[in-house]
Amino acid sequence: MPTQLHGKALVIHGGGPTPVLNASLAGVISAARDCPEIESLLGARFGVDGALRGDFFNLFAQLPETLEALRHAPGSAIGSSRRHMREDDYAQLHELLARQDIRFVFVTGGNGTQETGLRILKMAERHGYEMRVMGIPKTIDNDLGYTHFSPGYPSAARFFAQAVRDIGEDNRSLPTPINVTEVLGRNVGWVVGATVLARAHPDDAPHLVYLPEHPVSEDHLCADVERVYRRLGRCVVAICEGQRNTDGDPFGAESHAAPGSRDRLASNLGHQVAAILTQRLGVRARSEKPGLLGRSSAVDIPHLDREAAFGCGVSAVRQAVQGNSGCMVTIERVDAATGALSFGSAALNDVAMMERSVPRDWIAPEGNDITQAFRDYAQALVGSIVAHPRLSR
């Protein structure tokens, strides 16, 4: 039996916010209030940066109406950080946690943040300091392993599916004639793949979909677009911001981060691809980049996503006070009939810094579309995308 542990608890957010990150925070607060083992609950202001400074919110002191509204607010109410922690940072943080008698730490984020939680726990173990660390999954990229999906993904996927649907209607009304829509996603294509949910008819956008798991040559890309354009007189391309060509290059687009950075991304990939298409095909092309709007918009959040985020926060607290540590909460399954969620856990050792890619057999052999298996998976999480009406001819 695990020993009963009492003390303060700390919540740390890491990485980019999502439309439902605050719902996870609300879940932690709600569950922690019911646990006598947790004497007080702190929120690190701006992630590990605030934790290192000892800059905390008192989460138990917030007004009830604020906490209720938190479940529906996008972003991170306590702030987040992309700081890459050094060994001396972990040593400094451990000293602060021990001095404050913080015995429970909840880290909410993607694979990098889960590694941060693992290293916080290992530092405590080296000093013989009893502490429980639980990870809470969060990423629109959906690249965390061992969980059916990551909270934040259904919302971002739904946003981009609806964005591509509406761009497609604009493209049909007054053809551009080629539109390149850049979709969020660092190294995986879970979000861009979900844009196919906008396709109610065979000639609906997106006409072509490209995922980073399948690099595509410039020649292949241009040939794909030209084929669609000759058939329809227009073409909408959905392409991931992390897409690479067969040489491993983002089609000559500029990078907005230093070489070697984990977060290295092309800052204008959609624009660059549109320029290549215009030059190679002699047809006008333009690009669209909803960008951060795709992870900050709270206009149409799937109920499942919000409930999953809240439930992960609740489960993290309950597992921690029951003795679990060094794990990330996982979503085991979603009941197709009721939408009920089942939660479990996976070791941080297994989750940290591991990216889950879209399965190769979920991507069309030509690399420009997805298969029915992907569509079925995404549809269950994102929900139906309502098609716009068409006049009868």
Protein backbone atom coordinates (compact mmCIF):
# COMPACT_ATOMS: atom_id res chain seq x y z
CA MET A 1 0.00 0.00 0.00
CA PRO A 2 1.35 3.49 -0.85
CA THR A 3 1.98 5.80 2.08
CA GLN A 4 -0.55 8.53 2.71
CA LEU A 5 0.90 11.84 1.63
CA HIS A 6 -0.18 15.33 2.68
CA GLY A 7 1.04 18.70 1.48
CA LYS A 8 0.62 21.38 -1.11
CA ALA A 9 0.00 20.74 -4.79
CA LEU A 10 1.27 22.63 -7.84
CA VAL A 11 -0.04 22.82 -11.41
CA ILE A 12 2.38 23.65 -14.23
CA HIS A 13 1.33 24.23 -17.85
CA GLY A 14 3.80 23.75 -20.70
CA GLY A 15 3.75 24.42 -24.42
CA GLY A 16 1.06 25.97 -26.60
CA PRO A 17 -2.42 26.51 -25.13
CA THR A 18 -5.53 24.81 -26.49
CA PRO A 19 -9.23 25.70 -26.45
CA VAL A 20 -9.76 23.23 -23.56
CA LEU A 21 -6.56 23.52 -21.49
CA ASN A 22 -8.41 25.55 -18.87
CA ALA A 23 -11.01 22.79 -18.61
CA SER A 24 -8.22 20.47 -17.42
CA LEU A 25 -7.18 23.10 -14.89
CA ALA A 26 -10.77 23.34 -13.70
CA GLY A 27 -10.82 19.55 -13.31
CA VAL A 28 -7.69 19.64 -11.14
CA ILE A 29 -9.13 22.39 -8.93
CA SER A 30 -12.49 20.65 -8.60
CA ALA A 31 -10.97 17.31 -7.59
CA ALA A 32 -8.29 18.79 -5.33
CA ARG A 33 -10.88 20.65 -3.28
CA ASP A 34 -12.41 17.30 -2.34
CA CYS A 35 -9.09 15.80 -1.22
CA PRO A 36 -8.02 16.46 2.40
CA GLU A 37 -4.53 15.27 1.43
CA ILE A 38 -4.07 18.45 -0.63
CA GLU A 39 -3.72 21.36 1.79
CA SER A 40 -3.52 24.06 -0.86
CA LEU A 41 -3.32 24.23 -4.65
CA LEU A 42 -0.94 26.54 -6.46
CA GLY A 43 -0.71 27.39 -10.15
CA ALA A 44 2.69 28.29 -11.59
CA ARG A 45 2.37 31.64 -13.34
CA PHE A 46 3.70 31.16 -16.90
CA GLY A 47 4.75 27.54 -16.48
CA VAL A 48 8.20 26.52 -15.30
CA ASP A 49 9.37 30.15 -15.56
CA GLY A 50 6.95 31.10 -12.78
CA ALA A 51 7.71 27.94 -10.81
CA LEU A 52 11.41 28.81 -10.76
CA ARG A 53 10.56 32.30 -9.48
CA GLY A 54 8.07 31.03 -6.91
CA ASP A 55 5.38 33.04 -8.69
CA PHE A 56 2.10 31.27 -7.98
CA PHE A 57 -1.65 31.70 -8.17
CA ASN A 58 -3.63 30.51 -5.14
CA LEU A 59 -6.14 28.37 -7.01
CA PHE A 60 -8.29 27.57 -3.97
CA ALA A 61 -8.87 31.31 -3.48
CA GLN A 62 -10.60 31.86 -6.82
CA LEU A 63 -14.29 32.78 -6.98
CA PRO A 64 -16.74 29.96 -7.80
CA GLU A 65 -18.06 31.83 -10.84
CA THR A 66 -14.51 32.24 -12.13
CA LEU A 67 -13.87 28.52 -11.85
CA GLU A 68 -17.11 27.69 -13.64
CA ALA A 69 -16.25 30.07 -16.49
CA LEU A 70 -12.77 28.53 -16.64
CA ARG A 71 -14.21 25.31 -18.08
CA HIS A 72 -15.27 27.21 -21.21
CA ALA A 73 -12.34 29.63 -21.68
CA PRO A 74 -9.55 29.06 -24.24
CA GLY A 75 -5.87 29.66 -23.55
CA SER A 76 -4.15 29.13 -20.21
CA ALA A 77 -5.47 31.14 -17.26
CA ILE A 78 -2.24 30.55 -15.33
CA GLY A 79 0.01 30.97 -18.36
CA SER A 80 2.42 28.56 -20.02
CA SER A 81 6.05 28.39 -21.12
CA ARG A 82 8.32 26.82 -23.73
CA ARG A 83 11.44 27.11 -21.57
CA HIS A 84 13.94 24.30 -22.12
CA MET A 85 14.98 23.34 -18.59
CA ARG A 86 18.66 22.76 -17.77
CA GLU A 87 19.95 20.50 -15.01
CA ASP A 88 20.61 23.45 -12.70
CA ASP A 89 17.02 24.63 -13.32
CA TYR A 90 15.72 21.29 -12.03
CA ALA A 91 17.96 21.54 -8.97
CA GLN A 92 16.70 25.07 -8.27
CA LEU A 93 13.11 24.01 -8.76
CA HIS A 94 13.50 21.05 -6.40
CA GLU A 95 14.80 23.29 -3.63
CA LEU A 96 11.79 25.57 -4.02
CA LEU A 97 9.29 22.69 -4.05
CA ALA A 98 10.81 21.14 -0.93
CA ARG A 99 10.93 24.48 0.87
CA GLN A 100 7.25 25.05 0.08
CA ASP A 101 6.32 21.47 1.12
CA ILE A 102 4.84 20.79 -2.31
CA ARG A 103 4.12 17.06 -2.45
CA PHE A 104 1.95 16.81 -5.56
CA VAL A 105 2.91 18.20 -8.97
CA PHE A 106 0.62 18.13 -12.01
CA VAL A 107 2.21 18.95 -15.37
CA THR A 108 -0.14 19.59 -18.28
CA GLY A 109 1.26 19.50 -21.78
CA GLY A 110 2.66 17.49 -24.67
CA ASN A 111 5.58 15.09 -24.86
CA GLY A 112 8.17 17.73 -23.92
CA THR A 113 6.19 18.77 -20.84
CA GLN A 114 5.75 15.13 -19.81
CA GLU A 115 9.55 14.80 -19.88
CA THR A 116 9.74 17.85 -17.62
CA GLY A 117 7.45 16.10 -15.14
CA LEU A 118 9.60 12.97 -15.28
CA ARG A 119 12.76 14.93 -14.55
CA ILE A 120 11.11 16.79 -11.66
CA LEU A 121 10.22 13.42 -10.12
CA LYS A 122 13.70 11.97 -10.67
CA MET A 123 15.28 15.00 -9.03
CA ALA A 124 13.03 14.53 -5.98
CA GLU A 125 13.93 10.82 -5.82
CA ARG A 126 17.64 11.62 -5.88
CA HIS A 127 17.14 13.84 -2.83
CA GLY A 128 14.95 11.33 -1.02
CA TYR A 129 12.02 13.74 -1.11
CA GLU A 130 8.64 12.03 -1.30
CA MET A 131 6.58 13.58 -4.08
CA ARG A 132 4.01 12.42 -6.60
CA VAL A 133 4.05 13.73 -10.15
CA MET A 134 1.22 13.17 -12.61
CA GLY A 135 1.06 14.26 -16.23
CA ILE A 136 -2.11 15.57 -17.84
CA PRO A 137 -2.26 15.19 -21.66
CA LYS A 138 -2.63 18.36 -23.72
CA THR A 139 -1.80 19.01 -27.36
CA ILE A 140 -3.68 19.92 -30.51
CA ASP A 141 -1.09 17.88 -32.44
CA ASN A 142 -2.53 14.62 -31.00
CA ASP A 143 0.98 13.13 -30.99
CA LEU A 144 1.02 11.82 -27.40
CA GLY A 145 1.28 8.06 -27.24
CA TYR A 146 -0.70 5.61 -25.11
CA THR A 147 -3.87 7.73 -25.13
CA HIS A 148 -6.81 7.36 -27.52
CA PHE A 149 -6.57 11.09 -28.22
CA SER A 150 -5.16 14.21 -26.63
CA PRO A 151 -7.48 16.91 -25.27
CA GLY A 152 -7.27 19.91 -27.58
CA TYR A 153 -7.06 17.85 -30.76
CA PRO A 154 -10.81 17.51 -31.45
CA SER A 155 -11.29 21.28 -31.11
CA ALA A 156 -8.40 22.23 -33.41
CA ALA A 157 -9.38 19.54 -35.92
CA ARG A 158 -12.97 20.79 -35.98
CA PHE A 159 -11.83 24.39 -36.46
CA PHE A 160 -9.65 23.55 -39.46
CA ALA A 161 -12.23 21.22 -41.01
CA GLN A 162 -14.79 24.03 -40.92
CA ALA A 163 -12.23 26.57 -42.14
CA VAL A 164 -11.39 24.42 -45.18
CA ARG A 165 -15.10 23.80 -45.82
CA ASP A 166 -15.73 27.56 -45.95
CA ILE A 167 -12.61 28.30 -47.97
CA GLY A 168 -13.87 25.68 -50.40
CA GLU A 169 -17.18 27.53 -50.80
CA ASP A 170 -15.33 30.77 -51.50
CA ASN A 171 -13.14 28.93 -53.99
CA ARG A 172 -16.21 27.47 -55.70
CA SER A 173 -17.95 30.88 -55.85
CA LEU A 174 -15.12 32.85 -57.43
CA PRO A 175 -12.24 30.48 -58.11
CA THR A 176 -8.82 31.77 -57.01
CA PRO A 177 -8.29 29.26 -58.79
CA ILE A 178 -5.75 27.54 -56.47
CA ASN A 179 -5.83 27.91 -52.70
CA VAL A 180 -3.23 26.53 -50.29
CA THR A 181 -4.43 26.38 -46.67
CA GLU A 182 -1.67 25.91 -44.11
CA VAL A 183 -2.76 23.86 -41.08
CA LEU A 184 -1.16 23.61 -37.64
CA GLY A 185 1.03 20.60 -36.82
CA ARG A 186 4.76 20.36 -36.14
CA ASN A 187 5.74 16.86 -37.25
CA VAL A 188 2.47 14.97 -37.51
CA GLY A 189 -0.63 15.31 -39.67
CA TRP A 190 -3.50 14.52 -37.30
CA VAL A 191 -5.04 18.00 -37.66
CA VAL A 192 -4.56 18.46 -41.40
CA GLY A 193 -5.88 14.95 -42.02
CA ALA A 194 -9.12 15.84 -40.26
CA THR A 195 -9.88 18.54 -42.83
CA VAL A 196 -11.30 15.77 -45.06
CA LEU A 197 -14.34 15.82 -42.77
CA ALA A 198 -15.34 18.94 -44.74
CA ARG A 199 -15.75 16.85 -47.88
CA ALA A 200 -19.45 16.04 -48.27
CA HIS A 201 -19.26 15.63 -52.09
CA PRO A 202 -16.41 14.29 -54.24
CA ASP A 203 -15.60 17.75 -55.61
CA ASP A 204 -15.62 19.46 -52.19
CA ALA A 205 -12.50 20.91 -50.57
CA PRO A 206 -9.99 19.82 -49.59
CA HIS A 207 -9.08 18.30 -52.93
CA LEU A 208 -5.58 17.37 -51.79
CA VAL A 209 -4.26 16.75 -48.27
CA TYR A 210 -0.56 16.46 -47.35
CA LEU A 211 0.80 15.07 -44.07
CA PRO A 212 4.38 15.36 -42.75
CA GLU A 213 4.51 11.57 -42.32
CA HIS A 214 4.62 11.34 -46.13
CA PRO A 215 7.14 13.77 -47.70
CA VAL A 216 6.21 14.85 -51.21
CA SER A 217 8.41 16.11 -54.03
CA GLU A 218 7.77 19.45 -55.67
CA ASP A 219 7.13 17.69 -58.98
CA HIS A 220 4.58 15.35 -57.42
CA LEU A 221 2.81 18.21 -55.65
CA CYS A 222 2.56 20.28 -58.82
CA ALA A 223 1.32 17.31 -60.84
CA ASP A 224 -1.37 16.59 -58.21
CA VAL A 225 -2.60 20.18 -58.24
CA GLU A 226 -2.54 20.44 -62.03
CA ARG A 227 -4.61 17.26 -62.34
CA VAL A 228 -7.32 18.59 -59.98
CA TYR A 229 -7.26 22.02 -61.61
CA ARG A 230 -7.77 20.58 -65.11
CA ARG A 231 -10.72 18.54 -63.85
CA LEU A 232 -12.48 21.19 -61.72
CA GLY A 233 -11.01 24.52 -62.78
CA ARG A 234 -10.01 25.11 -59.15
CA CYS A 235 -8.14 23.35 -56.33
CA VAL A 236 -7.96 23.68 -52.53
CA VAL A 237 -4.86 22.16 -50.93
CA ALA A 238 -4.65 21.47 -47.19
CA ILE A 239 -1.02 21.19 -46.13
CA CYS A 240 0.57 20.84 -42.71
CA GLU A 241 2.90 23.61 -41.52
CA GLY A 242 5.51 20.92 -40.83
CA GLN A 243 5.39 19.42 -44.33
CA ARG A 244 8.71 18.58 -45.99
CA ASN A 245 9.67 17.64 -49.52
CA THR A 246 11.53 14.45 -50.33
CA ASP A 247 14.83 16.23 -49.61
CA GLY A 248 13.68 17.06 -46.08
CA ASP A 249 13.29 20.75 -46.92
CA PRO A 250 10.15 22.88 -46.33
CA PHE A 251 10.01 23.77 -50.04
CA GLY A 252 12.44 26.64 -49.51
CA ALA A 253 10.28 28.35 -46.89
CA GLU A 254 11.99 30.33 -44.14
CA SER A 255 12.47 28.95 -40.65
CA HIS A 256 11.58 31.12 -37.67
CA ALA A 257 13.70 29.18 -35.16
CA ALA A 258 17.38 28.39 -34.86
CA PRO A 259 18.61 25.20 -36.57
CA GLY A 260 18.40 22.22 -34.24
CA SER A 261 15.50 23.64 -32.23
CA ARG A 262 12.73 21.15 -31.46
CA ASP A 263 10.22 23.82 -32.43
CA ARG A 264 11.81 24.61 -35.77
CA LEU A 265 9.05 25.34 -38.26
CA ALA A 266 8.76 27.11 -41.58
CA SER A 267 7.14 30.47 -40.96
CA ASN A 268 5.61 30.83 -44.44
CA LEU A 269 5.22 27.33 -45.85
CA GLY A 270 1.74 27.88 -47.33
CA HIS A 271 2.87 31.10 -49.01
CA GLN A 272 5.96 29.40 -50.43
CA VAL A 273 4.00 26.45 -51.81
CA ALA A 274 1.49 28.83 -53.43
CA ALA A 275 4.37 30.75 -55.03
CA ILE A 276 5.84 27.51 -56.42
CA LEU A 277 2.47 26.50 -57.88
CA THR A 278 2.00 29.90 -59.51
CA GLN A 279 5.47 29.77 -61.02
CA ARG A 280 5.36 26.15 -62.17
CA LEU A 281 1.76 25.97 -63.40
CA GLY A 282 1.25 29.52 -64.59
CA VAL A 283 -2.01 29.69 -62.63
CA ARG A 284 -2.78 32.15 -59.85
CA ALA A 285 -2.48 30.62 -56.38
CA ARG A 286 -2.84 32.16 -52.94
CA SER A 287 -2.37 30.92 -49.41
CA GLU A 288 -4.37 31.10 -46.18
CA LYS A 289 -2.92 30.67 -42.71
CA PRO A 290 -5.45 30.69 -39.85
CA GLY A 291 -2.48 29.89 -37.61
CA LEU A 292 -2.92 30.35 -33.85
CA LEU A 293 -6.60 31.09 -34.36
CA GLY A 294 -6.94 27.33 -34.79
CA ARG A 295 -5.88 26.68 -31.20
CA SER A 296 -7.37 29.77 -29.57
CA SER A 297 -10.88 29.89 -31.00
CA ALA A 298 -13.60 28.74 -28.57
CA VAL A 299 -16.47 29.30 -31.02
CA ASP A 300 -17.39 25.66 -31.61
CA ILE A 301 -15.73 23.26 -29.14
CA PRO A 302 -16.77 19.59 -29.30
CA HIS A 303 -18.46 18.60 -26.03
CA LEU A 304 -16.33 15.46 -25.95
CA ASP A 305 -13.11 17.50 -25.97
CA ARG A 306 -14.13 19.71 -23.06
CA GLU A 307 -15.32 16.74 -21.00
CA ALA A 308 -12.14 14.80 -21.75
CA ALA A 309 -9.96 17.71 -20.68
CA PHE A 310 -11.90 18.19 -17.43
CA GLY A 311 -11.89 14.45 -16.76
CA CYS A 312 -8.13 14.18 -17.26
CA GLY A 313 -7.62 16.88 -14.62
CA VAL A 314 -9.91 15.10 -12.17
CA SER A 315 -8.29 11.71 -12.83
CA ALA A 316 -4.78 13.10 -12.30
CA VAL A 317 -5.66 14.32 -8.82
CA ARG A 318 -7.46 11.14 -7.82
CA GLN A 319 -4.65 8.92 -9.07
CA ALA A 320 -2.03 11.00 -7.25
CA VAL A 321 -3.73 10.93 -3.84
CA GLN A 322 -4.26 7.17 -4.27
CA GLY A 323 -0.51 6.70 -4.67
CA ASN A 324 0.10 6.76 -8.41
CA SER A 325 3.10 8.79 -9.61
CA GLY A 326 5.43 9.08 -12.57
CA CYS A 327 2.53 8.58 -14.96
CA MET A 328 0.41 10.52 -17.44
CA VAL A 329 -3.36 10.21 -17.46
CA THR A 330 -4.60 8.45 -20.58
CA ILE A 331 -7.98 8.29 -22.26
CA GLU A 332 -8.55 4.57 -22.70
CA ARG A 333 -11.69 4.66 -24.77
CA VAL A 334 -14.85 6.56 -25.63
CA ASP A 335 -18.15 4.69 -25.45
CA ALA A 336 -19.66 5.09 -28.92
CA ALA A 337 -23.22 4.95 -27.61
CA THR A 338 -23.02 7.23 -24.57
CA GLY A 339 -19.82 9.23 -25.09
CA ALA A 340 -18.62 8.11 -21.64
CA LEU A 341 -14.86 8.29 -21.17
CA SER A 342 -12.59 5.77 -19.45
CA PHE A 343 -9.28 6.96 -17.99
CA GLY A 344 -6.06 5.11 -17.22
CA SER A 345 -2.37 5.94 -17.05
CA ALA A 346 0.93 5.37 -18.83
CA ALA A 347 4.46 5.70 -17.45
CA LEU A 348 6.13 9.04 -18.11
CA ASN A 349 9.22 7.05 -19.12
CA ASP A 350 7.24 5.73 -22.08
CA VAL A 351 5.41 8.95 -22.97
CA ALA A 352 8.15 11.56 -22.64
CA MET A 353 9.50 12.89 -25.94
CA MET A 354 7.78 10.14 -27.97
CA GLU A 355 5.74 11.35 -30.95
CA ARG A 356 2.79 9.32 -32.21
CA SER A 357 2.52 9.65 -35.97
CA VAL A 358 -0.48 8.98 -38.18
CA PRO A 359 -0.29 5.26 -39.11
CA ARG A 360 1.12 4.76 -42.58
CA ASP A 361 -1.88 2.74 -43.71
CA TRP A 362 -4.16 5.65 -42.74
CA ILE A 363 -2.52 7.75 -45.47
CA ALA A 364 -3.43 7.21 -49.13
CA PRO A 365 -0.64 5.46 -51.10
CA GLU A 366 -0.20 8.57 -53.28
CA GLY A 367 0.44 10.66 -50.15
CA ASN A 368 -2.17 13.28 -51.05
CA ASP A 369 -5.19 12.10 -49.03
CA ILE A 370 -6.19 9.94 -46.07
CA THR A 371 -8.03 6.62 -45.86
CA GLN A 372 -11.43 5.73 -44.44
CA ALA A 373 -9.80 4.43 -41.24
CA PHE A 374 -8.47 7.91 -40.47
CA ARG A 375 -11.81 9.49 -41.32
CA ASP A 376 -13.66 7.12 -38.98
CA TYR A 377 -11.25 7.88 -36.13
CA ALA A 378 -11.45 11.66 -36.56
CA GLN A 379 -15.21 11.72 -37.14
CA ALA A 380 -15.88 10.09 -33.76
CA LEU A 381 -13.87 12.81 -31.99
CA VAL A 382 -14.61 15.89 -34.07
CA GLY A 383 -18.28 15.29 -34.86
CA SER A 384 -20.11 15.93 -38.10
CA ILE A 385 -19.17 18.92 -40.24
CA VAL A 386 -22.40 20.30 -41.70
CA ALA A 387 -22.22 20.81 -45.47
CA HIS A 388 -23.36 24.06 -47.05
CA PRO A 389 -26.42 23.90 -49.34
CA ARG A 390 -26.25 23.63 -53.10
CA LEU A 391 -28.81 24.77 -55.61
CA SER A 392 -30.35 22.16 -57.85
CA ARG A 393 -29.56 22.49 -61.55
